[in-house]
Amino acid sequence: MPDAASDPFAPPPLGATALGHGTPTPLAQRLLPEVRVGAGVVVACLVAGLVVAGLWAWLAPKVPLLVDGDRILYADPEGEQRAGADAVFVLVGLGAGIVTALGAFLVTRRRGGGIAVALGLAVGGLLGSIGAWRIGRWLGPGDDLIGTARRVGDGGHFDANIDLGALGALLVWPMTAMVVLLLLSAAFGKREEDPPPYWGAPAGLPPAQAPVGPWTAGPESGPGH
């Protein structure tokens, strides 16, 4: 009995790959490019965190203090400098999220982005925010108030260290990056081609060899058949 013709719609043999060698690609080889992309995004965010720290230390309003005898008082008790420091950090983090998301999208657009880019922005944005907060505090005025008060003497003025009053500001950068990446991917992302209809001939099969369905007349069909 002759062998039956192979079904053109049959699924590929189990374990076959796109290369047609019949050997499955190791999981590590498939994940390695994604890990590299994600790690590169995280490193870029950490470098951007240094810029954010410098901008925050430079732009954040300083809290003026006054030495009065053995007391340290606010020179402007009704000032909003503490809240202003939080607002500046939020604005700088917002800009960092937009810039890092745009850069990651443009660099990885040809490969179609991927989950590695999104995870890299989320992790890198959070780590970058934490690093910017820590380094910004170090770049700003020192937090040794007593030592500074003794150095400036009675009646002297100096600035308090900058700090975040609301730690939720650390989430502005990663959240902004995720939203911007989602919008860019939806508007300008790589589009996948629509699959052929289920009744069409498989890719690479000549039209003459396309399977004939029961609803289509064969070449010998005609009146009386």
C-alpha atoms as a PDB file:
ATOM      1  CA  MET A   1       0.000   0.000   0.000  1.00  0.00           C
ATOM      2  CA  PRO A   2       1.581   3.314  -1.002  1.00  0.00           C
ATOM      3  CA  ASP A   3       2.359   5.801   1.670  1.00  0.00           C
ATOM      4  CA  ALA A   4      -0.215   8.504   2.137  1.00  0.00           C
ATOM      5  CA  ALA A   5       0.734  11.997   1.050  1.00  0.00           C
ATOM      6  CA  SER A   6       1.957  14.196   3.840  1.00  0.00           C
ATOM      7  CA  ASP A   7      -0.540  16.622   5.219  1.00  0.00           C
ATOM      8  CA  PRO A   8       0.620  20.192   4.360  1.00  0.00           C
ATOM      9  CA  PHE A   9      -1.260  21.496   7.396  1.00  0.00           C
ATOM     10  CA  ALA A  10       0.306  19.019   9.830  1.00  0.00           C
ATOM     11  CA  PRO A  11       2.301  20.629  12.675  1.00  0.00           C
ATOM     12  CA  PRO A  12       6.098  20.367  12.536  1.00  0.00           C
ATOM     13  CA  PRO A  13       7.728  17.384  14.225  1.00  0.00           C
ATOM     14  CA  LEU A  14       8.147  17.682  17.961  1.00  0.00           C
ATOM     15  CA  GLY A  15      11.437  19.346  18.837  1.00  0.00           C
ATOM     16  CA  ALA A  16      11.983  20.865  15.401  1.00  0.00           C
ATOM     17  CA  THR A  17      13.192  24.443  15.257  1.00  0.00           C
ATOM     18  CA  ALA A  18      12.931  27.259  12.764  1.00  0.00           C
ATOM     19  CA  LEU A  19      16.384  26.290  11.490  1.00  0.00           C
ATOM     20  CA  GLY A  20      15.091  22.880  10.490  1.00  0.00           C
ATOM     21  CA  HIS A  21      17.851  20.908  12.237  1.00  0.00           C
ATOM     22  CA  GLY A  22      15.445  18.980  14.453  1.00  0.00           C
ATOM     23  CA  THR A  23      17.422  19.920  17.584  1.00  0.00           C
ATOM     24  CA  PRO A  24      15.767  22.285  20.049  1.00  0.00           C
ATOM     25  CA  THR A  25      17.647  25.489  20.792  1.00  0.00           C
ATOM     26  CA  PRO A  26      18.937  25.561  24.388  1.00  0.00           C
ATOM     27  CA  LEU A  27      16.961  27.858  26.646  1.00  0.00           C
ATOM     28  CA  ALA A  28      20.093  29.725  27.653  1.00  0.00           C
ATOM     29  CA  GLN A  29      20.855  30.665  24.050  1.00  0.00           C
ATOM     30  CA  ARG A  30      17.373  32.060  23.580  1.00  0.00           C
ATOM     31  CA  LEU A  31      17.395  34.041  26.829  1.00  0.00           C
ATOM     32  CA  LEU A  32      20.927  35.412  26.559  1.00  0.00           C
ATOM     33  CA  PRO A  33      20.075  38.199  24.054  1.00  0.00           C
ATOM     34  CA  GLU A  34      17.112  39.283  26.200  1.00  0.00           C
ATOM     35  CA  VAL A  35      19.265  39.351  29.329  1.00  0.00           C
ATOM     36  CA  ARG A  36      21.859  41.463  27.547  1.00  0.00           C
ATOM     37  CA  VAL A  37      19.268  43.962  26.381  1.00  0.00           C
ATOM     38  CA  GLY A  38      17.696  44.226  29.836  1.00  0.00           C
ATOM     39  CA  ALA A  39      21.084  44.607  31.525  1.00  0.00           C
ATOM     40  CA  GLY A  40      22.068  47.310  29.047  1.00  0.00           C
ATOM     41  CA  VAL A  41      18.899  49.269  29.817  1.00  0.00           C
ATOM     42  CA  VAL A  42      19.542  48.979  33.561  1.00  0.00           C
ATOM     43  CA  VAL A  43      23.133  50.229  33.181  1.00  0.00           C
ATOM     44  CA  ALA A  44      21.955  53.166  31.069  1.00  0.00           C
ATOM     45  CA  CYS A  45      19.425  54.088  33.755  1.00  0.00           C
ATOM     46  CA  LEU A  46      22.091  53.942  36.456  1.00  0.00           C
ATOM     47  CA  VAL A  47      24.270  56.324  34.459  1.00  0.00           C
ATOM     48  CA  ALA A  48      21.286  58.627  33.983  1.00  0.00           C
ATOM     49  CA  GLY A  49      20.771  58.484  37.747  1.00  0.00           C
ATOM     50  CA  LEU A  50      24.056  60.337  38.216  1.00  0.00           C
ATOM     51  CA  VAL A  51      22.719  63.169  36.069  1.00  0.00           C
ATOM     52  CA  VAL A  52      19.440  63.192  38.001  1.00  0.00           C
ATOM     53  CA  ALA A  53      21.346  63.393  41.295  1.00  0.00           C
ATOM     54  CA  GLY A  54      23.369  66.364  40.102  1.00  0.00           C
ATOM     55  CA  LEU A  55      20.307  68.200  38.809  1.00  0.00           C
ATOM     56  CA  TRP A  56      18.385  67.597  42.019  1.00  0.00           C
ATOM     57  CA  ALA A  57      21.249  68.813  44.226  1.00  0.00           C
ATOM     58  CA  TRP A  58      21.615  71.891  42.038  1.00  0.00           C
ATOM     59  CA  LEU A  59      17.955  72.829  41.517  1.00  0.00           C
ATOM     60  CA  ALA A  60      16.374  71.796  44.821  1.00  0.00           C
ATOM     61  CA  PRO A  61      15.642  74.806  47.054  1.00  0.00           C
ATOM     62  CA  LYS A  62      17.755  74.919  50.182  1.00  0.00           C
ATOM     63  CA  VAL A  63      16.297  75.186  53.685  1.00  0.00           C
ATOM     64  CA  PRO A  64      17.973  78.175  55.433  1.00  0.00           C
ATOM     65  CA  LEU A  65      18.786  77.728  59.121  1.00  0.00           C
ATOM     66  CA  LEU A  66      19.792  80.243  61.782  1.00  0.00           C
ATOM     67  CA  VAL A  67      21.975  79.731  64.835  1.00  0.00           C
ATOM     68  CA  ASP A  68      20.471  81.449  67.884  1.00  0.00           C
ATOM     69  CA  GLY A  69      22.630  80.782  70.924  1.00  0.00           C
ATOM     70  CA  ASP A  70      22.444  77.051  71.540  1.00  0.00           C
ATOM     71  CA  ARG A  71      19.448  76.607  69.223  1.00  0.00           C
ATOM     72  CA  ILE A  72      19.108  75.965  65.511  1.00  0.00           C
ATOM     73  CA  LEU A  73      16.052  77.670  64.040  1.00  0.00           C
ATOM     74  CA  TYR A  74      14.467  77.925  60.615  1.00  0.00           C
ATOM     75  CA  ALA A  75      15.377  81.254  59.065  1.00  0.00           C
ATOM     76  CA  ASP A  76      12.091  81.120  57.127  1.00  0.00           C
ATOM     77  CA  PRO A  77       9.613  79.161  59.289  1.00  0.00           C
ATOM     78  CA  GLU A  78       6.824  79.470  56.709  1.00  0.00           C
ATOM     79  CA  GLY A  79       8.967  78.527  53.737  1.00  0.00           C
ATOM     80  CA  GLU A  80       8.109  75.645  51.390  1.00  0.00           C
ATOM     81  CA  GLN A  81      11.660  74.590  50.624  1.00  0.00           C
ATOM     82  CA  ARG A  82      11.158  71.025  51.891  1.00  0.00           C
ATOM     83  CA  ALA A  83       8.161  70.484  49.636  1.00  0.00           C
ATOM     84  CA  GLY A  84      10.054  72.197  46.826  1.00  0.00           C
ATOM     85  CA  ALA A  85      12.829  69.610  47.052  1.00  0.00           C
ATOM     86  CA  ASP A  86      10.268  66.842  46.560  1.00  0.00           C
ATOM     87  CA  ALA A  87       8.696  68.676  43.627  1.00  0.00           C
ATOM     88  CA  VAL A  88      12.058  69.138  41.904  1.00  0.00           C
ATOM     89  CA  PHE A  89      12.886  65.451  42.344  1.00  0.00           C
ATOM     90  CA  VAL A  90       9.521  64.496  40.836  1.00  0.00           C
ATOM     91  CA  LEU A  91      10.013  66.787  37.829  1.00  0.00           C
ATOM     92  CA  VAL A  92      13.561  65.590  37.202  1.00  0.00           C
ATOM     93  CA  GLY A  93      12.432  61.972  37.581  1.00  0.00           C
ATOM     94  CA  LEU A  94       9.606  62.622  35.129  1.00  0.00           C
ATOM     95  CA  GLY A  95      12.066  63.911  32.564  1.00  0.00           C
ATOM     96  CA  ALA A  96      14.425  60.989  33.197  1.00  0.00           C
ATOM     97  CA  GLY A  97      11.586  58.521  32.644  1.00  0.00           C
ATOM     98  CA  ILE A  98      10.670  60.112  29.312  1.00  0.00           C
ATOM     99  CA  VAL A  99      14.270  60.271  28.086  1.00  0.00           C
ATOM    100  CA  THR A 100      15.218  56.720  29.092  1.00  0.00           C
ATOM    101  CA  ALA A 101      12.024  55.234  27.652  1.00  0.00           C
ATOM    102  CA  LEU A 102      12.484  57.109  24.366  1.00  0.00           C
ATOM    103  CA  GLY A 103      16.116  56.070  24.126  1.00  0.00           C
ATOM    104  CA  ALA A 104      15.380  52.413  24.894  1.00  0.00           C
ATOM    105  CA  PHE A 105      12.559  52.365  22.352  1.00  0.00           C
ATOM    106  CA  LEU A 106      14.676  53.874  19.563  1.00  0.00           C
ATOM    107  CA  VAL A 107      17.613  51.535  20.207  1.00  0.00           C
ATOM    108  CA  THR A 108      15.510  48.368  20.367  1.00  0.00           C
ATOM    109  CA  ARG A 109      12.811  49.278  17.850  1.00  0.00           C
ATOM    110  CA  ARG A 110      14.310  47.188  15.050  1.00  0.00           C
ATOM    111  CA  ARG A 111      14.267  44.033  17.169  1.00  0.00           C
ATOM    112  CA  GLY A 112      10.703  44.739  18.266  1.00  0.00           C
ATOM    113  CA  GLY A 113      11.412  45.751  21.862  1.00  0.00           C
ATOM    114  CA  GLY A 114      10.400  42.889  24.111  1.00  0.00           C
ATOM    115  CA  ILE A 115       9.747  42.198  27.749  1.00  0.00           C
ATOM    116  CA  ALA A 116      13.451  42.691  28.514  1.00  0.00           C
ATOM    117  CA  VAL A 117      13.194  46.390  27.619  1.00  0.00           C
ATOM    118  CA  ALA A 118      10.181  46.915  29.873  1.00  0.00           C
ATOM    119  CA  LEU A 119      11.766  45.056  32.799  1.00  0.00           C
ATOM    120  CA  GLY A 120      15.032  46.908  32.282  1.00  0.00           C
ATOM    121  CA  LEU A 121      13.264  50.266  32.436  1.00  0.00           C
ATOM    122  CA  ALA A 122      11.278  49.302  35.521  1.00  0.00           C
ATOM    123  CA  VAL A 123      14.259  47.946  37.465  1.00  0.00           C
ATOM    124  CA  GLY A 124      16.726  50.494  36.135  1.00  0.00           C
ATOM    125  CA  GLY A 125      14.380  53.407  36.762  1.00  0.00           C
ATOM    126  CA  LEU A 126      13.824  52.379  40.366  1.00  0.00           C
ATOM    127  CA  LEU A 127      17.523  51.793  41.026  1.00  0.00           C
ATOM    128  CA  GLY A 128      18.367  55.041  39.270  1.00  0.00           C
ATOM    129  CA  SER A 129      15.901  56.940  41.453  1.00  0.00           C
ATOM    130  CA  ILE A 130      17.296  55.429  44.649  1.00  0.00           C
ATOM    131  CA  GLY A 131      20.834  56.183  43.545  1.00  0.00           C
ATOM    132  CA  ALA A 132      19.918  59.752  42.604  1.00  0.00           C
ATOM    133  CA  TRP A 133      18.328  60.268  46.008  1.00  0.00           C
ATOM    134  CA  ARG A 134      21.349  58.948  47.895  1.00  0.00           C
ATOM    135  CA  ILE A 135      23.952  60.714  45.776  1.00  0.00           C
ATOM    136  CA  GLY A 136      21.938  63.941  45.713  1.00  0.00           C
ATOM    137  CA  ARG A 137      21.885  64.024  49.503  1.00  0.00           C
ATOM    138  CA  TRP A 138      25.646  63.513  49.514  1.00  0.00           C
ATOM    139  CA  LEU A 139      26.186  66.296  46.952  1.00  0.00           C
ATOM    140  CA  GLY A 140      23.977  68.739  48.868  1.00  0.00           C
ATOM    141  CA  PRO A 141      24.709  70.453  52.173  1.00  0.00           C
ATOM    142  CA  GLY A 142      26.005  68.207  54.939  1.00  0.00           C
ATOM    143  CA  ASP A 143      23.668  66.718  57.531  1.00  0.00           C
ATOM    144  CA  ASP A 144      25.938  67.482  60.500  1.00  0.00           C
ATOM    145  CA  LEU A 145      23.845  70.368  61.783  1.00  0.00           C
ATOM    146  CA  ILE A 146      25.563  70.711  65.165  1.00  0.00           C
ATOM    147  CA  GLY A 147      29.052  70.760  63.668  1.00  0.00           C
ATOM    148  CA  THR A 148      28.031  73.301  61.045  1.00  0.00           C
ATOM    149  CA  ALA A 149      26.290  75.478  63.663  1.00  0.00           C
ATOM    150  CA  ARG A 150      29.441  75.542  65.766  1.00  0.00           C
ATOM    151  CA  ARG A 151      31.502  76.481  62.746  1.00  0.00           C
ATOM    152  CA  VAL A 152      29.314  79.428  61.674  1.00  0.00           C
ATOM    153  CA  GLY A 153      28.826  80.649  65.251  1.00  0.00           C
ATOM    154  CA  ASP A 154      25.977  82.481  66.981  1.00  0.00           C
ATOM    155  CA  GLY A 155      23.823  84.417  64.530  1.00  0.00           C
ATOM    156  CA  GLY A 156      25.225  82.572  61.523  1.00  0.00           C
ATOM    157  CA  HIS A 157      23.207  81.162  58.659  1.00  0.00           C
ATOM    158  CA  PHE A 158      23.646  77.882  56.796  1.00  0.00           C
ATOM    159  CA  ASP A 159      21.586  75.480  54.714  1.00  0.00           C
ATOM    160  CA  ALA A 160      20.100  72.192  55.831  1.00  0.00           C
ATOM    161  CA  ASN A 161      20.680  69.043  53.835  1.00  0.00           C
ATOM    162  CA  ILE A 162      18.215  68.215  51.074  1.00  0.00           C
ATOM    163  CA  ASP A 163      16.046  65.144  51.451  1.00  0.00           C
ATOM    164  CA  LEU A 164      12.806  63.594  50.267  1.00  0.00           C
ATOM    165  CA  GLY A 165       9.792  64.008  52.475  1.00  0.00           C
ATOM    166  CA  ALA A 166       7.719  61.574  50.387  1.00  0.00           C
ATOM    167  CA  LEU A 167       9.555  58.435  49.273  1.00  0.00           C
ATOM    168  CA  GLY A 168       6.811  57.808  46.739  1.00  0.00           C
ATOM    169  CA  ALA A 169       8.695  60.243  44.503  1.00  0.00           C
ATOM    170  CA  LEU A 170      11.140  57.402  43.839  1.00  0.00           C
ATOM    171  CA  LEU A 171       8.464  55.661  41.747  1.00  0.00           C
ATOM    172  CA  VAL A 172       7.927  58.556  39.350  1.00  0.00           C
ATOM    173  CA  TRP A 173      10.846  57.635  37.081  1.00  0.00           C
ATOM    174  CA  PRO A 174      10.036  53.913  36.536  1.00  0.00           C
ATOM    175  CA  MET A 175       6.292  54.513  36.218  1.00  0.00           C
ATOM    176  CA  THR A 176       6.800  57.305  33.690  1.00  0.00           C
ATOM    177  CA  ALA A 177       9.199  55.157  31.685  1.00  0.00           C
ATOM    178  CA  MET A 178       6.727  52.273  31.527  1.00  0.00           C
ATOM    179  CA  VAL A 179       3.852  54.506  30.399  1.00  0.00           C
ATOM    180  CA  VAL A 180       5.949  56.258  27.733  1.00  0.00           C
ATOM    181  CA  LEU A 181       7.290  52.924  26.428  1.00  0.00           C
ATOM    182  CA  LEU A 182       3.746  51.568  26.189  1.00  0.00           C
ATOM    183  CA  LEU A 183       2.559  54.609  24.247  1.00  0.00           C
ATOM    184  CA  LEU A 184       5.531  54.552  21.884  1.00  0.00           C
ATOM    185  CA  SER A 185       5.155  50.829  21.241  1.00  0.00           C
ATOM    186  CA  ALA A 186       1.453  51.217  20.523  1.00  0.00           C
ATOM    187  CA  ALA A 187       1.952  54.148  18.158  1.00  0.00           C
ATOM    188  CA  PHE A 188       5.254  53.386  16.414  1.00  0.00           C
ATOM    189  CA  GLY A 189       6.163  49.835  17.400  1.00  0.00           C
ATOM    190  CA  LYS A 190       7.079  47.061  15.007  1.00  0.00           C
ATOM    191  CA  ARG A 191       4.023  45.390  13.510  1.00  0.00           C
ATOM    192  CA  GLU A 192       3.806  41.660  12.874  1.00  0.00           C
ATOM    193  CA  GLU A 193       2.341  40.468   9.608  1.00  0.00           C
ATOM    194  CA  ASP A 194      -1.131  38.984   9.791  1.00  0.00           C
ATOM    195  CA  PRO A 195      -1.145  35.191   9.426  1.00  0.00           C
ATOM    196  CA  PRO A 196      -2.672  33.765   6.230  1.00  0.00           C
ATOM    197  CA  PRO A 197      -6.301  32.590   6.394  1.00  0.00           C
ATOM    198  CA  TYR A 198      -6.758  29.046   7.630  1.00  0.00           C
ATOM    199  CA  TRP A 199      -8.177  27.969   4.262  1.00  0.00           C
ATOM    200  CA  GLY A 200      -5.235  29.262   2.242  1.00  0.00           C
ATOM    201  CA  ALA A 201      -2.275  27.289   0.960  1.00  0.00           C
ATOM    202  CA  PRO A 202       0.657  26.917   3.371  1.00  0.00           C
ATOM    203  CA  ALA A 203       3.626  29.201   2.843  1.00  0.00           C
ATOM    204  CA  GLY A 204       6.020  27.882   0.206  1.00  0.00           C
ATOM    205  CA  LEU A 205       3.514  25.489  -1.355  1.00  0.00           C
ATOM    206  CA  PRO A 206       2.873  26.142  -5.092  1.00  0.00           C
ATOM    207  CA  PRO A 207      -0.731  27.050  -5.885  1.00  0.00           C
ATOM    208  CA  ALA A 208      -1.061  23.978  -8.094  1.00  0.00           C
ATOM    209  CA  GLN A 209      -0.386  21.746  -5.088  1.00  0.00           C
ATOM    210  CA  ALA A 210      -2.764  23.541  -2.767  1.00  0.00           C
ATOM    211  CA  PRO A 211      -5.135  21.075  -1.130  1.00  0.00           C
ATOM    212  CA  VAL A 212      -8.612  20.969  -2.579  1.00  0.00           C
ATOM    213  CA  GLY A 213     -11.406  21.158  -0.026  1.00  0.00           C
ATOM    214  CA  PRO A 214     -14.597  19.202  -0.274  1.00  0.00           C
ATOM    215  CA  TRP A 215     -16.429  22.396  -1.190  1.00  0.00           C
ATOM    216  CA  THR A 216     -14.284  23.006  -4.276  1.00  0.00           C
ATOM    217  CA  ALA A 217     -14.704  21.176  -7.590  1.00  0.00           C
ATOM    218  CA  GLY A 218     -11.663  19.197  -8.680  1.00  0.00           C
ATOM    219  CA  PRO A 219     -10.079  19.455 -12.119  1.00  0.00           C
ATOM    220  CA  GLU A 220     -12.103  16.468 -13.392  1.00  0.00           C
ATOM    221  CA  SER A 221     -15.368  17.624 -11.928  1.00  0.00           C
ATOM    222  CA  GLY A 222     -18.035  18.685 -14.311  1.00  0.00           C
ATOM    223  CA  PRO A 223     -21.586  18.036 -15.264  1.00  0.00           C
ATOM    224  CA  GLY A 224     -22.595  14.545 -14.331  1.00  0.00           C
ATOM    225  CA  HIS A 225     -19.685  13.905 -11.902  1.00  0.00           C
END
